[in-house]
Amino acid sequence: MSGLIHVPSAEMDSAGDARLGGHFLNKRFTPAGSFIHEGVPYHTFDCYISITPFRWIELGYTTTMYKRPNKDGELRYNQKDRYFSVKLNPLREGRWFPAIALGANDFINSHFGIDDKGASGYFRNYYIAATKHLTSKIGIVGMNIAYRHFFFDGSKKWNGAVGGITFQPIFARNMRIIAEWSGNEVNAGIDCTLWKHLLIQVSLQSGKYPSAGLCYKTNLF
């Protein structure tokens, strides 16, 4: 869905926009104590689909892969954590005030988790975000601040006030340079839209842990 790297924003896709994509997730990107095998965390990946049926709401569905031994004892990505997301935009950005968004991830107990209680809730969180853009002769600066609350213990390192800055240079409006504070570390990245539909994002957590994603984006209306 629309946002920064690990931080939510109040930016919204256009009405009718749909995304289909996936991300390689560095083991630092996932909650502590979640994607591990025999005490050792591992890299994983996710795939997702999202749609913006109206300008004021985005809906998403994400699956993230687990590694578990198969019947032959070989470690494979053969289980999934699945969750729904929703993002609402009750206030659009104006000349003198920011856009406001309210959102939630994994807000439905889908019972696809791996623990005895059903859903894992690794990514379950709620947030409020504000975004304001400033236009200059060299590009567009986006200022984002949010407050969010995670419920899983291994995700609480991302609780509290978070935020970031984006920059779209005037000579490359299809590109964003991103810097953010995720609650426990500084992340930096770039995303770029190619041929109007292909969105690529690469990022570094704490300046040294890479993650990357690829997304096909189109408008259905």
N, C-alpha and C. Protein backbone atom coordinates (compact mmCIF):
# COMPACT_ATOMS: atom_id res chain seq x y z
N MET A 1 0.84 -1.18 0.00
CA MET A 1 0.00 0.00 0.00
C MET A 1 0.88 1.24 0.00
N SER A 2 0.26 2.39 -0.15
CA SER A 2 1.04 3.62 -0.14
C SER A 2 1.69 3.82 1.23
N GLY A 3 2.84 4.49 1.24
CA GLY A 3 3.56 4.73 2.48
C GLY A 3 5.03 4.95 2.19
N LEU A 4 5.86 4.82 3.22
CA LEU A 4 7.30 4.98 3.05
C LEU A 4 7.93 3.59 2.92
N ILE A 5 8.88 3.26 3.80
CA ILE A 5 9.51 1.93 3.77
C ILE A 5 8.88 1.06 4.84
N HIS A 6 9.13 1.41 6.09
CA HIS A 6 8.55 0.69 7.22
C HIS A 6 7.57 1.57 7.99
N VAL A 7 7.39 2.79 7.54
CA VAL A 7 6.60 3.80 8.24
C VAL A 7 5.37 4.15 7.42
N PRO A 8 4.19 4.21 8.05
CA PRO A 8 2.98 4.61 7.32
C PRO A 8 2.96 6.11 7.06
N SER A 9 2.21 6.51 6.04
CA SER A 9 2.02 7.92 5.73
C SER A 9 0.54 8.15 5.45
N ALA A 10 0.18 9.42 5.25
CA ALA A 10 -1.20 9.75 4.91
C ALA A 10 -1.38 9.90 3.41
N GLU A 11 -0.36 9.60 2.63
CA GLU A 11 -0.52 9.58 1.17
C GLU A 11 -1.44 8.44 0.77
N MET A 12 -2.20 8.64 -0.29
CA MET A 12 -3.12 7.63 -0.77
C MET A 12 -2.90 7.44 -2.27
N ASP A 13 -3.12 6.20 -2.74
CA ASP A 13 -3.16 5.97 -4.17
C ASP A 13 -4.40 6.64 -4.76
N SER A 14 -4.42 6.77 -6.09
CA SER A 14 -5.59 7.34 -6.75
C SER A 14 -6.73 6.32 -6.77
N ALA A 15 -7.96 6.81 -6.84
CA ALA A 15 -9.12 5.93 -6.91
C ALA A 15 -8.99 5.00 -8.11
N GLY A 16 -9.17 3.72 -7.88
CA GLY A 16 -9.06 2.73 -8.94
C GLY A 16 -7.70 2.07 -9.05
N ASP A 17 -6.70 2.60 -8.34
CA ASP A 17 -5.36 2.00 -8.40
C ASP A 17 -5.35 0.62 -7.73
N ALA A 18 -4.62 -0.29 -8.33
CA ALA A 18 -4.42 -1.62 -7.76
C ALA A 18 -2.95 -1.98 -7.85
N ARG A 19 -2.47 -2.71 -6.84
CA ARG A 19 -1.07 -3.14 -6.81
C ARG A 19 -1.00 -4.65 -6.62
N LEU A 20 -0.03 -5.26 -7.28
CA LEU A 20 0.28 -6.67 -7.11
C LEU A 20 1.78 -6.79 -7.08
N GLY A 21 2.34 -7.31 -5.96
CA GLY A 21 3.78 -7.32 -5.88
C GLY A 21 4.31 -8.21 -4.78
N GLY A 22 5.61 -8.10 -4.55
CA GLY A 22 6.28 -8.89 -3.54
C GLY A 22 7.55 -8.21 -3.07
N HIS A 23 8.02 -8.61 -1.89
CA HIS A 23 9.22 -8.04 -1.28
C HIS A 23 10.12 -9.15 -0.75
N PHE A 24 11.41 -8.96 -0.93
CA PHE A 24 12.40 -9.71 -0.15
C PHE A 24 12.57 -8.97 1.17
N LEU A 25 12.41 -9.69 2.28
CA LEU A 25 12.48 -9.08 3.60
C LEU A 25 13.71 -9.58 4.35
N ASN A 26 14.64 -8.70 4.58
CA ASN A 26 15.78 -9.03 5.42
C ASN A 26 15.30 -9.46 6.80
N LYS A 27 16.02 -10.35 7.45
CA LYS A 27 15.61 -10.86 8.75
C LYS A 27 15.47 -9.77 9.79
N ARG A 28 16.09 -8.59 9.55
CA ARG A 28 15.93 -7.46 10.46
C ARG A 28 14.59 -6.76 10.25
N PHE A 29 13.94 -7.04 9.12
CA PHE A 29 12.69 -6.36 8.78
C PHE A 29 11.49 -6.99 9.48
N THR A 30 11.64 -8.24 9.91
CA THR A 30 10.53 -8.97 10.53
C THR A 30 10.59 -8.83 12.06
N PRO A 31 9.47 -9.04 12.75
CA PRO A 31 9.45 -8.89 14.21
C PRO A 31 10.40 -9.87 14.90
N ALA A 32 10.99 -9.45 15.99
CA ALA A 32 11.87 -10.32 16.77
C ALA A 32 11.08 -11.52 17.30
N GLY A 33 11.69 -12.70 17.21
CA GLY A 33 11.06 -13.90 17.72
C GLY A 33 9.98 -14.48 16.84
N SER A 34 9.89 -14.02 15.58
CA SER A 34 8.82 -14.49 14.70
C SER A 34 9.34 -15.46 13.65
N PHE A 35 10.07 -14.97 12.68
CA PHE A 35 10.53 -15.80 11.58
C PHE A 35 11.91 -16.37 11.93
N ILE A 36 11.89 -17.44 12.74
CA ILE A 36 13.11 -18.06 13.23
C ILE A 36 12.98 -19.58 13.12
N HIS A 37 14.13 -20.25 13.05
CA HIS A 37 14.16 -21.72 13.07
C HIS A 37 15.31 -22.15 13.97
N GLU A 38 14.98 -22.91 15.00
CA GLU A 38 15.95 -23.37 15.98
C GLU A 38 16.75 -22.20 16.55
N GLY A 39 16.03 -21.12 16.83
CA GLY A 39 16.63 -19.95 17.46
C GLY A 39 17.36 -19.00 16.54
N VAL A 40 17.39 -19.31 15.23
CA VAL A 40 18.13 -18.48 14.28
C VAL A 40 17.14 -17.79 13.34
N PRO A 41 17.11 -16.44 13.28
CA PRO A 41 16.21 -15.75 12.36
C PRO A 41 16.67 -15.94 10.91
N TYR A 42 15.73 -15.85 9.98
CA TYR A 42 16.06 -16.05 8.57
C TYR A 42 15.36 -14.98 7.71
N HIS A 43 15.93 -14.76 6.52
CA HIS A 43 15.30 -13.88 5.55
C HIS A 43 14.02 -14.54 5.04
N THR A 44 13.09 -13.72 4.60
CA THR A 44 11.88 -14.27 4.02
C THR A 44 11.38 -13.34 2.92
N PHE A 45 10.18 -13.57 2.43
CA PHE A 45 9.60 -12.73 1.40
C PHE A 45 8.08 -12.76 1.54
N ASP A 46 7.46 -11.73 0.98
CA ASP A 46 6.01 -11.67 1.02
C ASP A 46 5.46 -11.36 -0.37
N CYS A 47 4.17 -11.56 -0.54
CA CYS A 47 3.47 -11.12 -1.73
C CYS A 47 2.16 -10.48 -1.28
N TYR A 48 1.65 -9.56 -2.06
CA TYR A 48 0.50 -8.78 -1.61
C TYR A 48 -0.32 -8.29 -2.80
N ILE A 49 -1.55 -7.93 -2.50
CA ILE A 49 -2.42 -7.27 -3.46
C ILE A 49 -3.15 -6.16 -2.71
N SER A 50 -3.33 -5.02 -3.34
CA SER A 50 -4.07 -3.93 -2.71
C SER A 50 -4.87 -3.19 -3.76
N ILE A 51 -5.90 -2.52 -3.31
CA ILE A 51 -6.76 -1.75 -4.21
C ILE A 51 -7.27 -0.53 -3.48
N THR A 52 -7.47 0.54 -4.23
CA THR A 52 -8.04 1.78 -3.72
C THR A 52 -9.37 2.00 -4.43
N PRO A 53 -10.46 1.44 -3.92
CA PRO A 53 -11.74 1.55 -4.62
C PRO A 53 -12.28 2.97 -4.67
N PHE A 54 -11.99 3.77 -3.63
CA PHE A 54 -12.33 5.19 -3.57
C PHE A 54 -11.11 5.94 -3.06
N ARG A 55 -11.08 7.23 -3.30
CA ARG A 55 -9.88 8.00 -2.94
C ARG A 55 -9.62 8.02 -1.45
N TRP A 56 -10.61 7.66 -0.62
CA TRP A 56 -10.48 7.77 0.83
C TRP A 56 -10.22 6.43 1.52
N ILE A 57 -10.07 5.33 0.76
CA ILE A 57 -9.84 4.03 1.40
C ILE A 57 -8.93 3.16 0.54
N GLU A 58 -7.99 2.50 1.21
CA GLU A 58 -7.15 1.47 0.57
C GLU A 58 -7.33 0.17 1.34
N LEU A 59 -7.37 -0.92 0.60
CA LEU A 59 -7.52 -2.25 1.19
C LEU A 59 -6.38 -3.14 0.69
N GLY A 60 -5.84 -3.98 1.56
CA GLY A 60 -4.72 -4.83 1.16
C GLY A 60 -4.80 -6.21 1.80
N TYR A 61 -4.09 -7.15 1.17
CA TYR A 61 -3.99 -8.52 1.69
C TYR A 61 -2.56 -8.99 1.45
N THR A 62 -1.90 -9.47 2.51
CA THR A 62 -0.48 -9.83 2.45
C THR A 62 -0.26 -11.23 2.99
N THR A 63 0.64 -11.97 2.33
CA THR A 63 1.09 -13.26 2.86
C THR A 63 2.62 -13.20 2.98
N THR A 64 3.12 -13.66 4.12
CA THR A 64 4.56 -13.70 4.39
C THR A 64 4.95 -15.15 4.67
N MET A 65 6.02 -15.62 4.07
CA MET A 65 6.36 -17.04 4.09
C MET A 65 7.16 -17.44 5.32
N TYR A 66 6.79 -18.60 5.91
CA TYR A 66 7.54 -19.24 6.99
C TYR A 66 8.39 -20.37 6.43
N LYS A 67 9.49 -20.64 7.11
CA LYS A 67 10.26 -21.85 6.85
C LYS A 67 9.90 -22.90 7.88
N ARG A 68 9.52 -24.09 7.42
CA ARG A 68 9.22 -25.21 8.30
C ARG A 68 9.71 -26.49 7.63
N PRO A 69 10.16 -27.48 8.42
CA PRO A 69 10.59 -28.76 7.83
C PRO A 69 9.40 -29.46 7.16
N ASN A 70 9.65 -30.03 5.99
CA ASN A 70 8.61 -30.83 5.34
C ASN A 70 8.65 -32.26 5.88
N LYS A 71 7.89 -33.16 5.28
CA LYS A 71 7.80 -34.53 5.80
C LYS A 71 9.12 -35.29 5.69
N ASP A 72 10.03 -34.81 4.81
CA ASP A 72 11.35 -35.41 4.69
C ASP A 72 12.39 -34.74 5.57
N GLY A 73 11.94 -33.77 6.36
CA GLY A 73 12.85 -33.08 7.27
C GLY A 73 13.62 -31.94 6.64
N GLU A 74 13.31 -31.60 5.37
CA GLU A 74 14.00 -30.51 4.68
C GLU A 74 13.31 -29.18 4.99
N LEU A 75 14.11 -28.16 5.26
CA LEU A 75 13.58 -26.86 5.62
C LEU A 75 13.13 -26.13 4.35
N ARG A 76 11.86 -25.76 4.31
CA ARG A 76 11.28 -25.12 3.12
C ARG A 76 10.35 -23.98 3.54
N TYR A 77 10.15 -23.04 2.60
CA TYR A 77 9.11 -22.02 2.79
C TYR A 77 7.77 -22.66 2.45
N ASN A 78 7.11 -23.22 3.44
CA ASN A 78 5.90 -23.99 3.16
C ASN A 78 4.71 -23.60 4.04
N GLN A 79 4.84 -22.51 4.83
CA GLN A 79 3.70 -22.00 5.59
C GLN A 79 3.64 -20.48 5.44
N LYS A 80 2.47 -19.91 5.73
CA LYS A 80 2.25 -18.49 5.46
C LYS A 80 1.61 -17.80 6.66
N ASP A 81 2.01 -16.55 6.88
CA ASP A 81 1.30 -15.64 7.75
C ASP A 81 0.48 -14.72 6.85
N ARG A 82 -0.82 -14.62 7.09
CA ARG A 82 -1.70 -13.87 6.20
C ARG A 82 -2.46 -12.81 7.00
N TYR A 83 -2.63 -11.65 6.40
CA TYR A 83 -3.39 -10.61 7.10
C TYR A 83 -3.96 -9.59 6.12
N PHE A 84 -5.04 -8.94 6.56
CA PHE A 84 -5.68 -7.86 5.81
C PHE A 84 -5.23 -6.51 6.37
N SER A 85 -5.28 -5.49 5.50
CA SER A 85 -4.94 -4.12 5.89
C SER A 85 -6.02 -3.17 5.40
N VAL A 86 -6.20 -2.07 6.14
CA VAL A 86 -7.12 -1.02 5.71
C VAL A 86 -6.51 0.33 6.07
N LYS A 87 -6.73 1.30 5.20
CA LYS A 87 -6.23 2.65 5.42
C LYS A 87 -7.31 3.64 5.00
N LEU A 88 -7.67 4.55 5.90
CA LEU A 88 -8.72 5.53 5.66
C LEU A 88 -8.13 6.93 5.65
N ASN A 89 -8.68 7.79 4.78
CA ASN A 89 -8.19 9.15 4.63
C ASN A 89 -9.33 10.14 4.87
N PRO A 90 -9.63 10.44 6.15
CA PRO A 90 -10.76 11.34 6.44
C PRO A 90 -10.49 12.80 6.11
N LEU A 91 -9.20 13.18 5.99
CA LEU A 91 -8.86 14.57 5.70
C LEU A 91 -7.80 14.61 4.61
N ARG A 92 -8.14 15.22 3.48
CA ARG A 92 -7.17 15.38 2.39
C ARG A 92 -6.26 16.57 2.66
N GLU A 93 -5.10 16.53 2.06
CA GLU A 93 -4.12 17.60 2.25
C GLU A 93 -4.61 18.90 1.63
N GLY A 94 -4.45 19.99 2.37
CA GLY A 94 -4.81 21.32 1.88
C GLY A 94 -3.60 22.23 1.84
N ARG A 95 -3.84 23.47 1.50
CA ARG A 95 -2.73 24.42 1.39
C ARG A 95 -2.04 24.66 2.72
N TRP A 96 -2.85 24.69 3.80
CA TRP A 96 -2.31 25.05 5.10
C TRP A 96 -2.32 23.91 6.12
N PHE A 97 -2.81 22.75 5.72
CA PHE A 97 -2.91 21.66 6.69
C PHE A 97 -2.56 20.34 6.01
N PRO A 98 -2.12 19.34 6.79
CA PRO A 98 -1.69 18.07 6.21
C PRO A 98 -2.86 17.13 5.97
N ALA A 99 -2.60 16.10 5.19
CA ALA A 99 -3.53 14.98 5.07
C ALA A 99 -3.43 14.13 6.33
N ILE A 100 -4.54 13.52 6.71
CA ILE A 100 -4.59 12.64 7.87
C ILE A 100 -5.09 11.27 7.43
N ALA A 101 -4.46 10.22 7.94
CA ALA A 101 -4.90 8.85 7.63
C ALA A 101 -4.95 8.03 8.90
N LEU A 102 -5.90 7.12 8.95
CA LEU A 102 -6.02 6.12 10.01
C LEU A 102 -5.90 4.76 9.37
N GLY A 103 -5.12 3.85 10.00
CA GLY A 103 -4.92 2.56 9.38
C GLY A 103 -4.74 1.43 10.37
N ALA A 104 -4.87 0.22 9.85
CA ALA A 104 -4.68 -0.98 10.67
C ALA A 104 -4.19 -2.11 9.78
N ASN A 105 -3.30 -2.93 10.32
CA ASN A 105 -2.81 -4.14 9.66
C ASN A 105 -3.12 -5.35 10.53
N ASP A 106 -3.49 -6.44 9.90
CA ASP A 106 -3.79 -7.68 10.62
C ASP A 106 -4.88 -7.45 11.67
N PHE A 107 -5.92 -6.71 11.29
CA PHE A 107 -6.97 -6.37 12.24
C PHE A 107 -8.07 -7.42 12.33
N ILE A 108 -8.02 -8.43 11.45
CA ILE A 108 -8.98 -9.53 11.49
C ILE A 108 -8.28 -10.78 11.98
N ASN A 109 -8.82 -11.45 12.98
CA ASN A 109 -8.24 -12.69 13.48
C ASN A 109 -8.53 -13.80 12.46
N SER A 110 -7.58 -13.99 11.53
CA SER A 110 -7.82 -14.88 10.40
C SER A 110 -7.54 -16.35 10.71
N HIS A 111 -6.94 -16.64 11.89
CA HIS A 111 -6.66 -18.02 12.32
C HIS A 111 -5.78 -18.78 11.33
N PHE A 112 -4.86 -18.06 10.69
CA PHE A 112 -3.90 -18.72 9.83
C PHE A 112 -2.52 -18.79 10.47
N GLY A 113 -2.40 -18.44 11.74
CA GLY A 113 -1.11 -18.42 12.41
C GLY A 113 -0.61 -19.82 12.73
N ILE A 114 0.55 -19.89 13.38
CA ILE A 114 1.17 -21.19 13.64
C ILE A 114 1.18 -21.54 15.12
N ASP A 115 0.63 -20.67 15.98
CA ASP A 115 0.65 -21.00 17.39
C ASP A 115 -0.65 -21.70 17.79
N ASP A 116 -0.72 -22.14 19.03
CA ASP A 116 -1.88 -22.89 19.50
C ASP A 116 -3.14 -22.03 19.62
N LYS A 117 -2.97 -20.73 19.63
CA LYS A 117 -4.11 -19.84 19.80
C LYS A 117 -4.71 -19.39 18.48
N GLY A 118 -4.16 -19.83 17.37
CA GLY A 118 -4.69 -19.42 16.08
C GLY A 118 -3.78 -18.41 15.41
N ALA A 119 -4.28 -17.19 15.22
CA ALA A 119 -3.52 -16.18 14.48
C ALA A 119 -2.29 -15.72 15.27
N SER A 120 -1.20 -15.49 14.55
CA SER A 120 0.05 -15.10 15.19
C SER A 120 0.04 -13.63 15.60
N GLY A 121 -0.51 -12.76 14.76
CA GLY A 121 -0.55 -11.33 15.08
C GLY A 121 0.80 -10.66 15.03
N TYR A 122 1.77 -11.22 14.31
CA TYR A 122 3.10 -10.63 14.25
C TYR A 122 3.08 -9.19 13.75
N PHE A 123 2.21 -8.90 12.78
CA PHE A 123 2.19 -7.58 12.15
C PHE A 123 1.00 -6.74 12.59
N ARG A 124 0.27 -7.16 13.61
CA ARG A 124 -0.94 -6.45 14.00
C ARG A 124 -0.59 -5.10 14.61
N ASN A 125 -1.11 -4.03 14.01
CA ASN A 125 -0.87 -2.69 14.53
C ASN A 125 -1.94 -1.72 14.04
N TYR A 126 -2.06 -0.61 14.76
CA TYR A 126 -2.95 0.48 14.40
C TYR A 126 -2.14 1.77 14.38
N TYR A 127 -2.53 2.72 13.54
CA TYR A 127 -1.74 3.94 13.44
C TYR A 127 -2.59 5.12 12.99
N ILE A 128 -2.07 6.31 13.26
CA ILE A 128 -2.58 7.56 12.71
C ILE A 128 -1.38 8.28 12.10
N ALA A 129 -1.57 8.86 10.91
CA ALA A 129 -0.45 9.47 10.20
C ALA A 129 -0.87 10.81 9.60
N ALA A 130 0.11 11.70 9.47
CA ALA A 130 -0.10 13.00 8.84
C ALA A 130 1.00 13.24 7.82
N THR A 131 0.63 13.83 6.68
CA THR A 131 1.58 14.08 5.60
C THR A 131 1.34 15.46 5.00
N LYS A 132 2.42 16.21 4.78
CA LYS A 132 2.34 17.52 4.12
C LYS A 132 3.46 17.62 3.10
N HIS A 133 3.14 18.14 1.91
CA HIS A 133 4.11 18.30 0.84
C HIS A 133 4.44 19.78 0.62
N LEU A 134 5.69 20.04 0.32
CA LEU A 134 6.16 21.38 -0.03
C LEU A 134 6.83 21.32 -1.39
N THR A 135 6.45 22.23 -2.26
CA THR A 135 7.00 22.26 -3.62
C THR A 135 8.05 23.37 -3.74
N SER A 136 9.20 23.01 -4.31
CA SER A 136 10.27 23.98 -4.52
C SER A 136 10.73 23.90 -5.97
N LYS A 137 11.73 24.70 -6.32
CA LYS A 137 12.24 24.72 -7.68
C LYS A 137 13.00 23.44 -8.03
N ILE A 138 13.43 22.69 -7.01
CA ILE A 138 14.22 21.49 -7.31
C ILE A 138 13.42 20.20 -7.12
N GLY A 139 12.22 20.31 -6.55
CA GLY A 139 11.44 19.09 -6.38
C GLY A 139 10.37 19.23 -5.30
N ILE A 140 9.79 18.11 -4.92
CA ILE A 140 8.71 18.08 -3.93
C ILE A 140 9.21 17.34 -2.69
N VAL A 141 9.08 17.99 -1.55
CA VAL A 141 9.47 17.41 -0.27
C VAL A 141 8.20 16.98 0.47
N GLY A 142 8.17 15.73 0.90
CA GLY A 142 7.06 15.23 1.69
C GLY A 142 7.49 15.01 3.13
N MET A 143 6.74 15.55 4.07
CA MET A 143 7.03 15.40 5.50
C MET A 143 5.95 14.53 6.12
N ASN A 144 6.38 13.48 6.80
CA ASN A 144 5.45 12.48 7.32
C ASN A 144 5.72 12.22 8.79
N ILE A 145 4.65 12.15 9.57
CA ILE A 145 4.78 11.77 10.97
C ILE A 145 3.61 10.85 11.30
N ALA A 146 3.85 9.87 12.17
CA ALA A 146 2.80 8.92 12.51
C ALA A 146 3.01 8.44 13.95
N TYR A 147 1.93 7.92 14.50
CA TYR A 147 1.99 7.25 15.80
C TYR A 147 1.32 5.90 15.63
N ARG A 148 2.00 4.83 16.05
CA ARG A 148 1.43 3.50 15.85
C ARG A 148 1.65 2.62 17.08
N HIS A 149 0.84 1.57 17.13
CA HIS A 149 0.91 0.64 18.26
C HIS A 149 0.83 -0.79 17.74
N PHE A 150 1.90 -1.57 18.00
CA PHE A 150 1.93 -2.99 17.70
C PHE A 150 1.53 -3.78 18.95
N PHE A 151 1.03 -5.01 18.74
CA PHE A 151 0.57 -5.85 19.84
C PHE A 151 1.51 -7.01 20.14
N PHE A 152 2.18 -7.54 19.12
CA PHE A 152 3.13 -8.64 19.32
C PHE A 152 4.38 -8.10 20.00
N ASP A 153 4.88 -8.82 21.02
CA ASP A 153 6.02 -8.33 21.80
C ASP A 153 7.23 -8.03 20.93
N GLY A 154 7.49 -8.89 19.94
CA GLY A 154 8.65 -8.70 19.09
C GLY A 154 8.54 -7.54 18.12
N SER A 155 7.34 -6.94 18.03
CA SER A 155 7.12 -5.79 17.15
C SER A 155 7.07 -4.47 17.91
N LYS A 156 7.06 -4.52 19.23
CA LYS A 156 6.87 -3.31 20.01
C LYS A 156 8.05 -2.35 19.92
N LYS A 157 9.16 -2.79 19.36
CA LYS A 157 10.29 -1.89 19.14
C LYS A 157 9.93 -0.80 18.13
N TRP A 158 8.86 -1.01 17.35
CA TRP A 158 8.41 -0.03 16.37
C TRP A 158 7.25 0.82 16.88
N ASN A 159 6.91 0.71 18.15
CA ASN A 159 5.81 1.49 18.72
C ASN A 159 6.20 2.95 18.89
N GLY A 160 5.17 3.80 18.98
CA GLY A 160 5.40 5.19 19.29
C GLY A 160 5.45 6.08 18.07
N ALA A 161 6.09 7.24 18.24
CA ALA A 161 6.18 8.23 17.17
C ALA A 161 7.23 7.81 16.14
N VAL A 162 6.84 7.82 14.88
CA VAL A 162 7.74 7.50 13.77
C VAL A 162 7.52 8.55 12.69
N GLY A 163 8.39 8.57 11.71
CA GLY A 163 8.21 9.56 10.65
C GLY A 163 9.31 9.49 9.61
N GLY A 164 9.19 10.34 8.61
CA GLY A 164 10.19 10.33 7.56
C GLY A 164 10.00 11.48 6.58
N ILE A 165 10.95 11.59 5.68
CA ILE A 165 10.96 12.63 4.66
C ILE A 165 11.14 11.96 3.29
N THR A 166 10.40 12.44 2.30
CA THR A 166 10.58 11.98 0.93
C THR A 166 10.95 13.17 0.05
N PHE A 167 11.65 12.86 -1.04
CA PHE A 167 12.02 13.92 -1.99
C PHE A 167 11.85 13.39 -3.40
N GLN A 168 11.06 14.11 -4.20
CA GLN A 168 10.89 13.80 -5.62
C GLN A 168 11.57 14.91 -6.42
N PRO A 169 12.72 14.62 -7.04
CA PRO A 169 13.41 15.67 -7.80
C PRO A 169 12.61 16.10 -9.02
N ILE A 170 12.74 17.36 -9.38
CA ILE A 170 11.97 17.92 -10.48
C ILE A 170 12.29 17.23 -11.80
N PHE A 171 13.53 16.71 -11.93
CA PHE A 171 13.94 16.08 -13.18
C PHE A 171 13.55 14.60 -13.25
N ALA A 172 12.99 14.05 -12.16
CA ALA A 172 12.61 12.63 -12.14
C ALA A 172 11.42 12.47 -11.19
N ARG A 173 10.26 12.91 -11.64
CA ARG A 173 9.06 12.85 -10.78
C ARG A 173 8.62 11.42 -10.51
N ASN A 174 9.13 10.46 -11.28
CA ASN A 174 8.78 9.05 -11.07
C ASN A 174 9.61 8.40 -9.97
N MET A 175 10.48 9.17 -9.30
CA MET A 175 11.39 8.62 -8.29
C MET A 175 11.18 9.33 -6.96
N ARG A 176 11.28 8.56 -5.86
CA ARG A 176 11.25 9.13 -4.52
C ARG A 176 12.49 8.69 -3.76
N ILE A 177 13.14 9.61 -3.10
CA ILE A 177 14.21 9.31 -2.17
C ILE A 177 13.60 9.37 -0.77
N ILE A 178 13.85 8.36 0.06
CA ILE A 178 13.15 8.22 1.33
C ILE A 178 14.15 8.08 2.48
N ALA A 179 13.91 8.81 3.56
CA ALA A 179 14.63 8.62 4.82
C ALA A 179 13.60 8.59 5.92
N GLU A 180 13.72 7.65 6.87
CA GLU A 180 12.70 7.51 7.90
C GLU A 180 13.29 7.03 9.22
N TRP A 181 12.56 7.33 10.29
CA TRP A 181 12.82 6.79 11.62
C TRP A 181 11.69 5.83 11.93
N SER A 182 12.01 4.53 12.09
CA SER A 182 10.98 3.50 12.23
C SER A 182 10.62 3.19 13.68
N GLY A 183 11.22 3.90 14.61
CA GLY A 183 10.98 3.65 16.03
C GLY A 183 12.19 3.10 16.74
N ASN A 184 13.09 2.43 15.99
CA ASN A 184 14.32 1.91 16.61
C ASN A 184 15.54 2.04 15.71
N GLU A 185 15.34 2.53 14.47
CA GLU A 185 16.48 2.65 13.55
C GLU A 185 16.13 3.61 12.42
N VAL A 186 17.17 4.06 11.73
CA VAL A 186 17.02 4.93 10.58
C VAL A 186 17.13 4.09 9.31
N ASN A 187 16.15 4.23 8.43
CA ASN A 187 16.14 3.52 7.16
C ASN A 187 16.21 4.51 6.02
N ALA A 188 16.78 4.07 4.90
CA ALA A 188 16.87 4.90 3.70
C ALA A 188 16.55 4.05 2.49
N GLY A 189 15.96 4.67 1.48
CA GLY A 189 15.63 3.89 0.30
C GLY A 189 15.22 4.76 -0.87
N ILE A 190 14.99 4.11 -1.98
CA ILE A 190 14.53 4.77 -3.21
C ILE A 190 13.45 3.90 -3.83
N ASP A 191 12.37 4.53 -4.28
CA ASP A 191 11.46 3.80 -5.15
C ASP A 191 11.30 4.55 -6.46
N CYS A 192 10.99 3.81 -7.50
CA CYS A 192 10.97 4.38 -8.85
C CYS A 192 9.90 3.66 -9.67
N THR A 193 9.10 4.40 -10.40
CA THR A 193 8.09 3.84 -11.29
C THR A 193 8.60 3.88 -12.72
N LEU A 194 8.63 2.71 -13.36
CA LEU A 194 9.10 2.59 -14.74
C LEU A 194 7.95 2.21 -15.65
N TRP A 195 7.90 2.83 -16.82
CA TRP A 195 6.86 2.53 -17.83
C TRP A 195 5.45 2.64 -17.26
N LYS A 196 5.26 3.54 -16.31
CA LYS A 196 3.97 3.89 -15.70
C LYS A 196 3.37 2.81 -14.80
N HIS A 197 3.88 1.59 -14.86
CA HIS A 197 3.23 0.50 -14.13
C HIS A 197 4.15 -0.28 -13.20
N LEU A 198 5.44 -0.29 -13.45
CA LEU A 198 6.36 -1.12 -12.68
C LEU A 198 7.02 -0.29 -11.59
N LEU A 199 6.72 -0.63 -10.33
CA LEU A 199 7.27 0.10 -9.18
C LEU A 199 8.35 -0.74 -8.52
N ILE A 200 9.54 -0.17 -8.40
CA ILE A 200 10.69 -0.85 -7.78
C ILE A 200 11.09 -0.08 -6.53
N GLN A 201 11.35 -0.80 -5.44
CA GLN A 201 11.82 -0.15 -4.21
C GLN A 201 12.99 -0.93 -3.64
N VAL A 202 14.03 -0.22 -3.27
CA VAL A 202 15.16 -0.81 -2.56
C VAL A 202 15.40 0.01 -1.31
N SER A 203 15.85 -0.65 -0.23
CA SER A 203 16.03 0.07 1.03
C SER A 203 17.14 -0.57 1.85
N LEU A 204 17.66 0.22 2.79
CA LEU A 204 18.66 -0.24 3.74
C LEU A 204 18.19 0.12 5.14
N GLN A 205 18.15 -0.86 6.04
CA GLN A 205 17.85 -0.61 7.44
C GLN A 205 19.16 -0.36 8.18
N SER A 206 19.16 0.69 8.96
CA SER A 206 20.37 1.10 9.70
C SER A 206 21.57 1.24 8.76
N GLY A 207 21.31 1.50 7.50
CA GLY A 207 22.37 1.73 6.54
C GLY A 207 23.11 0.49 6.07
N LYS A 208 22.65 -0.75 6.45
CA LYS A 208 23.43 -1.92 6.06
C LYS A 208 22.63 -3.20 5.84
N TYR A 209 21.33 -3.21 6.09
CA TYR A 209 20.54 -4.42 5.91
C TYR A 209 19.56 -4.21 4.75
N PRO A 210 19.80 -4.85 3.59
CA PRO A 210 19.00 -4.55 2.40
C PRO A 210 17.69 -5.33 2.33
N SER A 211 16.67 -4.67 1.81
CA SER A 211 15.42 -5.29 1.41
C SER A 211 15.03 -4.66 0.07
N ALA A 212 14.17 -5.34 -0.69
CA ALA A 212 13.80 -4.83 -2.01
C ALA A 212 12.46 -5.41 -2.42
N GLY A 213 11.75 -4.67 -3.28
CA GLY A 213 10.45 -5.14 -3.73
C GLY A 213 10.16 -4.73 -5.15
N LEU A 214 9.21 -5.44 -5.75
CA LEU A 214 8.79 -5.18 -7.13
C LEU A 214 7.27 -5.25 -7.16
N CYS A 215 6.66 -4.30 -7.84
CA CYS A 215 5.21 -4.20 -7.82
C CYS A 215 4.69 -3.79 -9.19
N TYR A 216 3.59 -4.40 -9.62
CA TYR A 216 2.89 -3.96 -10.83
C TYR A 216 1.69 -3.13 -10.36
N LYS A 217 1.60 -1.92 -10.87
CA LYS A 217 0.56 -0.99 -10.45
C LYS A 217 -0.22 -0.51 -11.66
N THR A 218 -1.55 -0.54 -11.58
CA THR A 218 -2.39 -0.10 -12.69
C THR A 218 -3.67 0.51 -12.14
N ASN A 219 -4.39 1.21 -12.99
CA ASN A 219 -5.69 1.78 -12.60
C ASN A 219 -6.79 1.00 -13.29
N LEU A 220 -7.74 0.52 -12.51
CA LEU A 220 -8.80 -0.34 -13.01
C LEU A 220 -10.00 0.44 -13.53
N PHE A 221 -10.04 1.76 -13.31
CA PHE A 221 -11.19 2.54 -13.74
C PHE A 221 -10.96 3.18 -15.12
